[in-house]
N, C-alpha and C. Protein backbone atom coordinates (compact mmCIF):
# COMPACT_ATOMS: atom_id res chain seq x y z
N MET A 1 -156.69 71.79 25.59
CA MET A 1 -157.15 72.47 26.78
C MET A 1 -155.78 73.51 27.28
N LEU A 2 -154.98 73.65 26.28
CA LEU A 2 -154.24 74.52 26.75
C LEU A 2 -154.37 75.44 25.73
N GLY A 3 -154.01 75.21 24.22
CA GLY A 3 -154.24 76.18 23.33
C GLY A 3 -153.21 75.67 22.39
N VAL A 4 -152.09 74.90 22.94
CA VAL A 4 -151.26 75.15 22.28
C VAL A 4 -150.83 72.97 22.51
N SER A 5 -150.75 72.96 21.19
CA SER A 5 -150.73 71.36 21.41
C SER A 5 -149.30 70.92 22.19
N HIS A 6 -149.02 69.94 22.89
CA HIS A 6 -148.03 69.66 23.50
C HIS A 6 -148.00 68.19 23.32
N SER A 7 -146.61 67.56 23.33
CA SER A 7 -146.50 66.24 23.23
C SER A 7 -145.53 65.46 24.83
N LEU A 8 -145.74 64.33 24.75
CA LEU A 8 -145.12 63.90 25.93
C LEU A 8 -143.51 64.33 26.13
N THR A 9 -143.03 64.27 24.33
CA THR A 9 -141.63 64.39 24.69
C THR A 9 -141.38 65.92 25.11
N ASN A 10 -141.98 66.76 24.90
CA ASN A 10 -141.87 67.50 25.58
C ASN A 10 -143.04 67.84 27.05
N PHE A 11 -142.71 66.97 27.76
CA PHE A 11 -143.01 67.26 28.98
C PHE A 11 -142.70 68.13 30.14
N PRO A 12 -141.71 68.42 30.34
CA PRO A 12 -140.87 69.25 31.29
C PRO A 12 -141.62 70.57 30.98
N GLY A 13 -142.07 70.95 29.62
CA GLY A 13 -142.78 72.34 28.82
C GLY A 13 -144.18 72.08 29.40
N LEU A 14 -144.48 70.74 29.27
CA LEU A 14 -146.40 70.66 29.81
C LEU A 14 -146.53 71.00 31.26
N VAL A 15 -145.53 70.88 31.83
CA VAL A 15 -145.37 71.10 33.22
C VAL A 15 -145.78 72.74 33.34
N ALA A 16 -144.52 73.18 32.94
CA ALA A 16 -144.28 74.50 32.78
C ALA A 16 -145.62 75.33 32.42
N ALA A 17 -146.29 74.85 31.41
CA ALA A 17 -147.38 75.83 30.91
C ALA A 17 -148.56 75.42 31.65
N LEU A 18 -149.05 74.53 32.66
CA LEU A 18 -150.20 74.29 33.59
C LEU A 18 -149.52 75.11 34.38
N PHE A 19 -148.42 75.29 34.72
CA PHE A 19 -148.04 77.00 36.35
C PHE A 19 -148.23 77.97 35.59
N SER A 20 -148.22 78.45 34.43
CA SER A 20 -147.92 79.71 34.11
C SER A 20 -149.62 80.05 33.43
N HIS A 21 -150.14 78.97 33.25
CA HIS A 21 -151.76 79.13 33.08
C HIS A 21 -152.70 79.44 34.38
N SER A 22 -153.91 80.23 34.17
CA SER A 22 -154.46 79.64 35.33
C SER A 22 -155.62 78.98 35.12
N TYR A 23 -155.56 77.57 34.71
CA TYR A 23 -156.27 77.03 34.99
C TYR A 23 -156.41 75.64 35.99
N GLY A 24 -155.71 75.84 36.81
CA GLY A 24 -155.47 75.55 37.82
C GLY A 24 -154.43 75.34 39.38
N SER A 25 -154.65 75.00 40.14
CA SER A 25 -153.53 75.25 40.89
C SER A 25 -152.63 74.86 41.26
N PRO A 26 -151.24 74.64 41.32
CA PRO A 26 -149.91 73.55 41.59
C PRO A 26 -150.53 72.40 41.44
N THR A 27 -151.71 72.62 42.61
CA THR A 27 -151.56 71.02 43.04
C THR A 27 -152.40 70.14 42.09
N ILE A 28 -152.52 70.83 41.61
CA ILE A 28 -153.62 69.72 40.25
C ILE A 28 -152.33 69.30 39.53
N ALA A 29 -151.95 70.23 39.13
CA ALA A 29 -150.81 70.12 37.90
C ALA A 29 -149.82 69.04 38.37
N ILE A 30 -149.06 69.35 39.72
CA ILE A 30 -148.26 68.22 40.46
C ILE A 30 -148.84 66.54 40.80
N ALA A 31 -150.41 66.61 40.76
CA ALA A 31 -151.49 65.18 40.89
C ALA A 31 -151.21 64.34 39.65
N ILE A 32 -151.27 65.39 38.53
CA ILE A 32 -151.76 65.07 37.34
C ILE A 32 -150.41 64.26 36.60
N THR A 33 -148.99 65.02 36.67
CA THR A 33 -148.07 64.89 36.68
C THR A 33 -147.12 63.29 37.04
N GLY A 34 -147.95 63.39 38.34
CA GLY A 34 -147.25 62.12 39.40
C GLY A 34 -148.10 60.87 38.75
N ALA A 35 -149.63 61.12 38.55
CA ALA A 35 -150.27 60.12 38.33
C ALA A 35 -149.83 59.63 37.07
N SER A 36 -149.48 60.48 36.09
CA SER A 36 -148.84 60.37 34.63
C SER A 36 -147.72 59.62 34.62
N LEU A 37 -146.37 59.66 35.59
CA LEU A 37 -145.39 59.52 35.92
C LEU A 37 -145.32 57.88 36.64
N ALA A 38 -146.38 57.66 37.44
CA ALA A 38 -146.65 56.19 37.71
C ALA A 38 -146.94 55.47 36.98
N GLY A 39 -147.75 55.86 36.46
CA GLY A 39 -148.41 54.73 35.15
C GLY A 39 -147.51 54.29 34.16
N CYS A 40 -146.37 55.08 34.20
CA CYS A 40 -145.36 54.74 32.99
C CYS A 40 -144.53 54.03 33.65
N SER A 41 -144.32 53.88 35.47
CA SER A 41 -143.19 52.93 35.85
C SER A 41 -143.88 51.99 36.42
N SER A 42 -144.75 51.67 36.47
CA SER A 42 -145.76 50.15 36.52
C SER A 42 -146.19 49.45 35.28
N PHE A 43 -146.23 49.72 34.42
CA PHE A 43 -146.52 49.20 33.01
C PHE A 43 -145.55 47.83 32.86
N SER A 44 -145.86 46.52 32.49
CA SER A 44 -144.73 46.04 32.32
C SER A 44 -145.78 44.90 31.16
N LEU A 45 -144.73 44.32 30.29
CA LEU A 45 -145.62 43.56 29.46
C LEU A 45 -145.63 41.79 30.35
N ASP A 46 -145.00 41.75 31.45
CA ASP A 46 -145.23 40.19 32.00
C ASP A 46 -146.30 40.78 32.86
N SER A 47 -146.70 41.51 33.74
CA SER A 47 -147.72 41.74 33.88
C SER A 47 -149.01 41.08 33.74
N SER A 48 -149.39 41.35 32.18
CA SER A 48 -150.18 41.07 31.32
C SER A 48 -150.69 39.36 30.83
N LYS A 49 -149.68 39.01 31.80
CA LYS A 49 -149.27 37.26 30.70
C LYS A 49 -150.19 36.69 32.33
N PRO A 50 -150.70 35.77 31.85
CA PRO A 50 -151.56 35.14 32.77
C PRO A 50 -150.72 33.92 33.97
N ALA A 51 -151.04 33.56 34.87
CA ALA A 51 -150.20 32.40 35.87
C ALA A 51 -150.52 31.12 34.97
N PRO A 52 -149.48 30.31 35.24
CA PRO A 52 -149.97 29.57 33.89
C PRO A 52 -150.85 28.53 35.33
N PRO A 53 -151.64 27.51 35.12
CA PRO A 53 -152.62 27.06 35.62
C PRO A 53 -151.67 25.79 36.70
N LEU A 54 -152.76 25.32 37.62
CA LEU A 54 -152.00 24.44 38.38
C LEU A 54 -152.46 23.17 37.88
N VAL A 55 -152.15 22.33 38.04
CA VAL A 55 -152.02 20.44 37.76
C VAL A 55 -152.00 19.64 39.00
N LYS A 56 -152.71 18.96 39.00
CA LYS A 56 -152.56 18.33 40.25
C LYS A 56 -151.53 17.01 39.87
N VAL A 57 -150.69 16.56 40.58
CA VAL A 57 -149.97 15.33 40.29
C VAL A 57 -150.00 14.41 41.55
N ALA A 58 -150.21 13.01 41.03
CA ALA A 58 -150.75 12.13 42.27
C ALA A 58 -149.47 11.49 42.37
N PRO A 59 -148.36 11.49 43.08
CA PRO A 59 -147.37 10.18 42.70
C PRO A 59 -148.20 9.05 43.94
N GLU A 60 -147.59 7.82 43.36
CA GLU A 60 -147.94 6.79 43.72
C GLU A 60 -146.57 5.65 43.81
N SER A 61 -146.66 4.98 44.82
CA SER A 61 -145.49 3.91 44.48
C SER A 61 -145.58 2.69 45.07
N ALA A 62 -145.01 1.78 44.95
CA ALA A 62 -144.74 0.07 45.43
C ALA A 62 -143.36 -0.19 45.73
N PRO A 63 -143.54 -0.11 47.22
CA PRO A 63 -144.10 0.04 48.02
C PRO A 63 -144.39 1.77 48.34
N PRO A 64 -145.46 1.86 48.87
CA PRO A 64 -145.58 3.25 49.23
C PRO A 64 -144.70 3.89 50.43
N GLY A 65 -144.77 5.35 50.65
CA GLY A 65 -143.74 6.02 51.62
C GLY A 65 -142.62 6.27 50.87
N ALA A 66 -142.06 6.10 49.68
CA ALA A 66 -141.28 7.15 48.60
C ALA A 66 -141.59 8.10 48.83
N ASP A 67 -140.03 8.87 48.86
CA ASP A 67 -140.06 10.24 48.61
C ASP A 67 -140.07 10.59 46.97
N ALA A 68 -141.08 11.33 46.94
CA ALA A 68 -141.60 11.90 44.74
C ALA A 68 -140.89 13.00 45.10
N THR A 69 -139.95 14.01 44.48
CA THR A 69 -139.69 15.13 44.01
C THR A 69 -140.07 15.14 42.46
N THR A 70 -140.69 16.64 42.20
CA THR A 70 -140.85 16.97 40.74
C THR A 70 -139.60 17.55 40.83
N SER A 71 -139.70 17.42 38.82
CA SER A 71 -138.51 18.61 38.82
C SER A 71 -138.63 19.75 38.65
N LEU A 72 -140.05 20.35 39.14
CA LEU A 72 -140.13 21.48 39.22
C LEU A 72 -139.99 22.31 40.94
N GLY A 73 -139.99 20.87 41.37
CA GLY A 73 -139.70 21.87 42.78
C GLY A 73 -140.33 20.86 43.76
N PRO A 74 -141.81 21.01 44.08
CA PRO A 74 -142.26 20.72 44.92
C PRO A 74 -141.90 19.17 45.11
N ALA A 75 -142.25 18.40 46.32
CA ALA A 75 -142.13 16.97 46.79
C ALA A 75 -142.75 16.15 48.10
N CYS A 76 -143.36 14.82 48.21
CA CYS A 76 -144.12 14.71 49.27
C CYS A 76 -143.99 13.01 49.11
N LYS A 77 -144.38 12.29 50.74
CA LYS A 77 -144.11 11.02 50.41
C LYS A 77 -145.40 10.30 49.72
N THR A 78 -144.98 9.43 48.87
CA THR A 78 -146.45 8.76 48.15
C THR A 78 -146.99 7.63 49.32
N PRO A 79 -148.43 7.96 49.23
CA PRO A 79 -148.89 8.13 48.20
C PRO A 79 -149.49 9.51 48.88
N CYS A 80 -149.52 10.52 47.82
CA CYS A 80 -150.08 11.95 48.08
C CYS A 80 -150.15 12.43 47.05
N SER A 81 -150.75 13.86 47.19
CA SER A 81 -150.99 15.03 45.78
C SER A 81 -150.22 16.21 45.76
N ILE A 82 -149.94 16.69 44.74
CA ILE A 82 -149.07 18.00 45.03
C ILE A 82 -149.85 18.82 43.81
N ASP A 83 -150.03 20.10 44.02
CA ASP A 83 -150.29 21.31 43.04
C ASP A 83 -149.26 21.95 42.79
N VAL A 84 -148.48 21.82 41.08
CA VAL A 84 -147.84 22.52 40.11
C VAL A 84 -148.05 23.20 39.26
N PRO A 85 -147.36 24.42 39.15
CA PRO A 85 -148.04 25.54 38.06
C PRO A 85 -147.49 24.70 36.78
N ALA A 86 -148.17 24.39 35.73
CA ALA A 86 -148.22 23.95 34.74
C ALA A 86 -147.07 24.38 33.54
N PRO A 87 -145.93 23.52 33.03
CA PRO A 87 -145.01 24.13 32.36
C PRO A 87 -145.68 24.09 31.24
N ASP A 88 -144.95 24.80 30.19
CA ASP A 88 -145.12 24.57 29.14
C ASP A 88 -144.69 23.14 28.34
N ALA A 89 -143.38 22.71 28.59
CA ALA A 89 -143.36 21.31 28.52
C ALA A 89 -143.32 20.43 29.32
N GLY A 90 -143.18 19.30 29.16
CA GLY A 90 -143.23 18.39 30.16
C GLY A 90 -141.80 18.32 31.39
N PHE A 91 -142.20 17.24 32.47
CA PHE A 91 -141.40 17.45 33.87
C PHE A 91 -141.14 16.24 34.40
N SER A 92 -140.85 15.83 35.01
CA SER A 92 -140.44 14.59 35.85
C SER A 92 -140.63 14.69 36.86
N VAL A 93 -141.13 13.05 37.43
CA VAL A 93 -140.81 12.78 39.11
C VAL A 93 -140.15 12.12 39.57
N THR A 94 -139.35 11.79 40.73
CA THR A 94 -138.03 11.01 40.88
C THR A 94 -138.92 10.58 42.02
N PHE A 95 -138.58 9.47 42.31
CA PHE A 95 -138.66 8.45 43.53
C PHE A 95 -137.82 7.44 44.22
N ALA A 96 -137.53 7.96 45.32
CA ALA A 96 -136.54 7.24 45.94
C ALA A 96 -137.06 6.77 47.24
N SER A 97 -136.31 5.76 47.42
CA SER A 97 -136.27 5.04 49.12
C SER A 97 -135.49 4.31 49.78
N PRO A 98 -135.27 4.32 51.04
CA PRO A 98 -134.05 4.00 51.13
C PRO A 98 -134.22 2.13 50.70
N LYS A 99 -132.87 1.62 50.16
CA LYS A 99 -132.82 0.44 50.32
C LYS A 99 -133.31 -0.04 48.62
N PHE A 100 -133.72 1.29 48.22
CA PHE A 100 -134.65 0.95 46.84
C PHE A 100 -134.08 1.65 45.58
N GLN A 101 -133.39 1.21 44.66
CA GLN A 101 -133.18 2.23 43.31
C GLN A 101 -133.91 3.11 43.13
N PRO A 102 -133.62 3.80 42.83
CA PRO A 102 -134.54 5.35 42.14
C PRO A 102 -135.02 5.32 40.77
N VAL A 103 -136.41 5.63 40.71
CA VAL A 103 -137.13 5.32 39.64
C VAL A 103 -137.36 6.97 39.26
N THR A 104 -137.26 7.74 38.08
CA THR A 104 -138.00 8.54 37.34
C THR A 104 -138.57 8.84 36.07
N VAL A 105 -139.83 9.19 35.93
CA VAL A 105 -141.05 8.64 35.09
C VAL A 105 -141.30 10.14 34.45
N PRO A 106 -140.91 10.35 33.38
CA PRO A 106 -141.29 11.35 32.16
C PRO A 106 -142.77 11.45 32.60
N VAL A 107 -143.21 12.76 32.86
CA VAL A 107 -144.95 13.27 32.97
C VAL A 107 -144.89 14.49 31.52
N GLN A 108 -145.96 14.06 30.74
CA GLN A 108 -146.64 15.21 29.52
C GLN A 108 -147.34 15.96 30.31
N VAL A 109 -147.47 17.27 29.77
CA VAL A 109 -148.57 18.10 30.02
C VAL A 109 -149.13 18.33 28.61
N VAL A 110 -150.43 17.71 28.81
CA VAL A 110 -151.33 18.15 27.59
C VAL A 110 -152.92 19.32 27.82
N ARG A 111 -152.15 20.62 26.75
CA ARG A 111 -153.41 21.08 26.90
C ARG A 111 -154.25 21.30 25.89
N ASP A 112 -156.32 21.20 26.18
CA ASP A 112 -156.80 21.22 25.53
C ASP A 112 -157.78 22.50 25.50
N PRO A 113 -157.57 23.40 24.64
CA PRO A 113 -157.69 24.23 24.29
C PRO A 113 -159.43 24.73 24.64
N GLY A 114 -160.33 23.54 24.70
CA GLY A 114 -161.70 23.72 24.69
C GLY A 114 -162.57 24.32 23.70
N ASP A 115 -163.86 24.46 23.62
CA ASP A 115 -164.58 24.67 22.41
C ASP A 115 -165.84 25.74 23.32
N PHE A 116 -166.71 25.89 22.31
CA PHE A 116 -167.90 26.36 22.77
C PHE A 116 -168.19 25.64 24.27
N ALA A 117 -168.66 24.92 24.39
CA ALA A 117 -169.30 23.79 25.08
C ALA A 117 -168.52 23.69 26.41
N SER A 118 -166.69 23.53 26.40
CA SER A 118 -166.16 23.02 27.31
C SER A 118 -164.90 24.50 27.46
N PRO A 119 -164.41 24.63 28.77
CA PRO A 119 -163.23 25.66 28.98
C PRO A 119 -161.75 24.76 28.52
N PRO A 120 -161.33 25.58 28.22
CA PRO A 120 -159.69 25.07 28.46
C PRO A 120 -159.40 24.19 29.55
N MET A 121 -158.63 22.91 29.25
CA MET A 121 -158.13 22.22 30.00
C MET A 121 -156.50 22.22 30.19
N THR A 122 -155.74 21.73 31.39
CA THR A 122 -154.60 21.23 31.36
C THR A 122 -154.58 20.42 32.10
N ILE A 123 -153.96 19.18 31.60
CA ILE A 123 -153.79 17.42 32.18
C ILE A 123 -152.64 16.98 31.96
N ILE A 124 -152.65 16.06 33.07
CA ILE A 124 -150.81 15.44 32.85
C ILE A 124 -151.11 13.89 32.88
N ASP A 125 -150.14 13.81 32.18
CA ASP A 125 -149.89 12.11 31.25
C ASP A 125 -148.58 11.48 31.99
N PRO A 126 -148.24 10.36 32.70
CA PRO A 126 -149.80 9.70 33.25
C PRO A 126 -150.49 10.39 34.39
N SER A 127 -151.36 9.91 34.65
CA SER A 127 -152.56 10.00 35.90
C SER A 127 -153.03 9.21 36.81
N PRO A 128 -152.50 8.76 37.77
CA PRO A 128 -151.42 8.86 39.02
C PRO A 128 -150.35 8.75 38.32
N VAL A 129 -149.22 9.07 38.79
CA VAL A 129 -148.01 9.17 38.40
C VAL A 129 -147.33 7.85 39.23
N PHE A 130 -147.08 6.98 38.65
CA PHE A 130 -146.78 5.66 39.46
C PHE A 130 -145.46 5.04 38.93
N ALA A 131 -145.04 4.82 40.37
CA ALA A 131 -143.54 3.74 39.75
C ALA A 131 -143.58 2.63 41.01
N GLU A 132 -142.78 1.56 40.74
CA GLU A 132 -142.46 0.20 40.97
C GLU A 132 -140.95 0.09 41.56
N LEU A 133 -141.14 0.47 42.75
CA LEU A 133 -139.42 0.71 42.88
C LEU A 133 -138.68 -1.26 43.04
N THR A 134 -137.65 -1.16 42.78
CA THR A 134 -137.13 -2.54 42.83
C THR A 134 -135.95 -2.44 44.04
N PRO A 135 -136.07 -3.44 44.66
CA PRO A 135 -134.96 -3.54 45.89
C PRO A 135 -133.45 -3.60 45.59
N ALA A 136 -132.74 -2.48 45.75
CA ALA A 136 -131.34 -2.75 45.53
C ALA A 136 -130.19 -3.57 45.88
N VAL A 137 -129.56 -3.79 44.74
CA VAL A 137 -128.40 -4.76 45.01
C VAL A 137 -127.55 -4.51 45.66
N PRO A 138 -127.46 -5.25 46.94
CA PRO A 138 -126.21 -4.95 47.94
C PRO A 138 -124.90 -4.90 46.86
N PRO A 139 -123.59 -4.48 46.70
CA PRO A 139 -122.73 -5.00 46.55
C PRO A 139 -121.53 -5.76 46.86
N PRO A 140 -121.51 -7.04 45.69
CA PRO A 140 -120.97 -8.12 46.00
C PRO A 140 -119.88 -7.83 46.85
N LYS A 141 -119.50 -9.21 47.70
CA LYS A 141 -118.97 -8.84 48.80
C LYS A 141 -117.13 -9.33 48.41
N ALA A 142 -116.55 -8.64 48.62
CA ALA A 142 -114.98 -8.79 47.98
C ALA A 142 -114.52 -10.01 48.48
N ARG A 143 -114.30 -10.64 47.09
CA ARG A 143 -113.35 -12.08 47.67
C ARG A 143 -111.94 -11.85 47.78
N ASN A 144 -111.44 -12.81 48.75
CA ASN A 144 -109.72 -12.95 49.61
C ASN A 144 -109.31 -13.46 48.10
N PRO A 145 -108.44 -12.88 47.23
CA PRO A 145 -107.77 -13.54 46.43
C PRO A 145 -107.42 -15.18 46.96
N MET A 146 -106.82 -16.06 45.73
CA MET A 146 -106.07 -16.79 46.64
C MET A 146 -104.32 -16.71 46.68
N ARG A 147 -104.45 -16.92 47.88
CA ARG A 147 -102.80 -16.58 49.07
C ARG A 147 -102.20 -17.72 48.40
N PRO A 148 -100.96 -17.31 47.78
CA PRO A 148 -99.83 -18.43 47.93
C PRO A 148 -99.35 -19.23 49.33
N GLU A 149 -99.48 -20.46 49.64
CA GLU A 149 -99.03 -21.15 50.59
C GLU A 149 -98.00 -20.05 51.57
N ASN A 150 -97.72 -20.38 52.69
CA ASN A 150 -97.02 -19.78 53.42
C ASN A 150 -95.52 -20.67 53.53
N PRO A 151 -94.23 -20.22 52.64
CA PRO A 151 -92.97 -21.37 52.89
C PRO A 151 -92.79 -21.63 53.84
N LYS A 152 -92.84 -21.02 55.21
CA LYS A 152 -92.48 -21.86 56.42
C LYS A 152 -93.30 -23.05 57.04
N SER A 153 -94.79 -22.99 56.17
CA SER A 153 -95.49 -24.43 56.20
C SER A 153 -95.04 -25.11 55.41
N LYS A 154 -94.73 -24.85 54.45
CA LYS A 154 -93.93 -25.61 53.81
C LYS A 154 -92.61 -26.74 54.03
N ALA A 155 -91.62 -25.72 54.60
CA ALA A 155 -90.29 -26.65 55.30
C ALA A 155 -90.87 -27.32 56.62
N ALA A 156 -91.78 -26.51 57.15
CA ALA A 156 -92.00 -27.41 58.39
C ALA A 156 -92.95 -29.00 58.41
N ALA A 157 -93.15 -28.79 57.18
CA ALA A 157 -93.74 -30.12 56.65
C ALA A 157 -93.13 -31.32 56.32
N ALA A 158 -92.45 -30.49 55.65
CA ALA A 158 -90.65 -31.26 54.52
C ALA A 158 -90.20 -31.75 55.93
N SER A 159 -89.64 -31.27 57.37
CA SER A 159 -89.00 -31.47 58.11
C SER A 159 -89.49 -32.80 59.17
N ASN A 160 -91.16 -32.57 59.25
CA ASN A 160 -91.79 -33.32 59.65
C ASN A 160 -92.48 -34.48 58.73
N PRO A 161 -91.77 -35.46 58.73
CA PRO A 161 -92.39 -36.25 57.70
C PRO A 161 -93.98 -36.91 58.35
N ALA A 162 -94.64 -37.53 57.71
CA ALA A 162 -95.82 -37.91 58.06
C ALA A 162 -95.34 -39.67 58.51
N PRO A 163 -95.99 -39.87 59.63
CA PRO A 163 -95.61 -41.38 60.42
C PRO A 163 -96.14 -42.10 59.35
N VAL A 164 -95.25 -43.29 59.40
CA VAL A 164 -95.77 -44.87 58.94
C VAL A 164 -96.39 -45.25 59.43
N GLN A 165 -97.81 -45.48 58.53
CA GLN A 165 -98.48 -46.92 59.31
C GLN A 165 -97.30 -48.12 58.91
N PRO A 166 -98.06 -48.94 59.95
CA PRO A 166 -97.39 -50.33 59.59
C PRO A 166 -98.02 -50.86 58.33
N ALA A 167 -97.60 -51.93 57.77
CA ALA A 167 -99.00 -52.64 56.92
C ALA A 167 -99.56 -53.45 57.33
N ALA A 168 -100.96 -53.66 56.77
CA ALA A 168 -102.01 -55.06 57.44
C ALA A 168 -101.44 -56.01 56.97
N ARG A 169 -101.75 -56.86 58.28
CA ARG A 169 -101.30 -58.50 57.80
C ARG A 169 -102.21 -59.17 57.54
C-alpha cells in the first residue's frame, strides 16, 4: 500500500506514514487507527465461549410447599420449576419447611453429545428432584432431677408422730 512494509510493532510509524503520503485525508487515517485499536480492546477469549445451556429443575416434596433452594442460587416453593445454567459438575437441591427436617438431594448433570440424527442434550438426574420431608422431633423435655427431701419436713414429721389407732377388738 505504501511501498514500505510496516508491522504492527511500528504502529506509530504506520500512522505517520499515512499522514505523510497523499493516499488519503487524515480523517481516513484516524478512522483506520481507531477501528484497529477498538478491535484489539474488545477481543476476549471468554466471549468466544458459548453460554452454558439451561436445564429445567422440577423440585417436588411431600408435603408440598417446602422451600427448594439449588446450590446454584435459584429457589422456589414446591411443586415448581426452575431454569438453571447447567454446571460442569453436579449440584444439589435443599428442601426446608417449618417443623420438618431439611433434606438435601444431589443432582447429576448428564451431557449427551448427540450424533448425526440428534442434537446435543443436557439433562439432570433425578428428574423430578423429589424429597420426602420427615417431621422434626421436638427436643426432649428437661426432667426435674430428683431433689432430696427438705430437712425441715423430716424434722416436722418426727415432732408430730402419727396418731396411734386403737387396736381392733
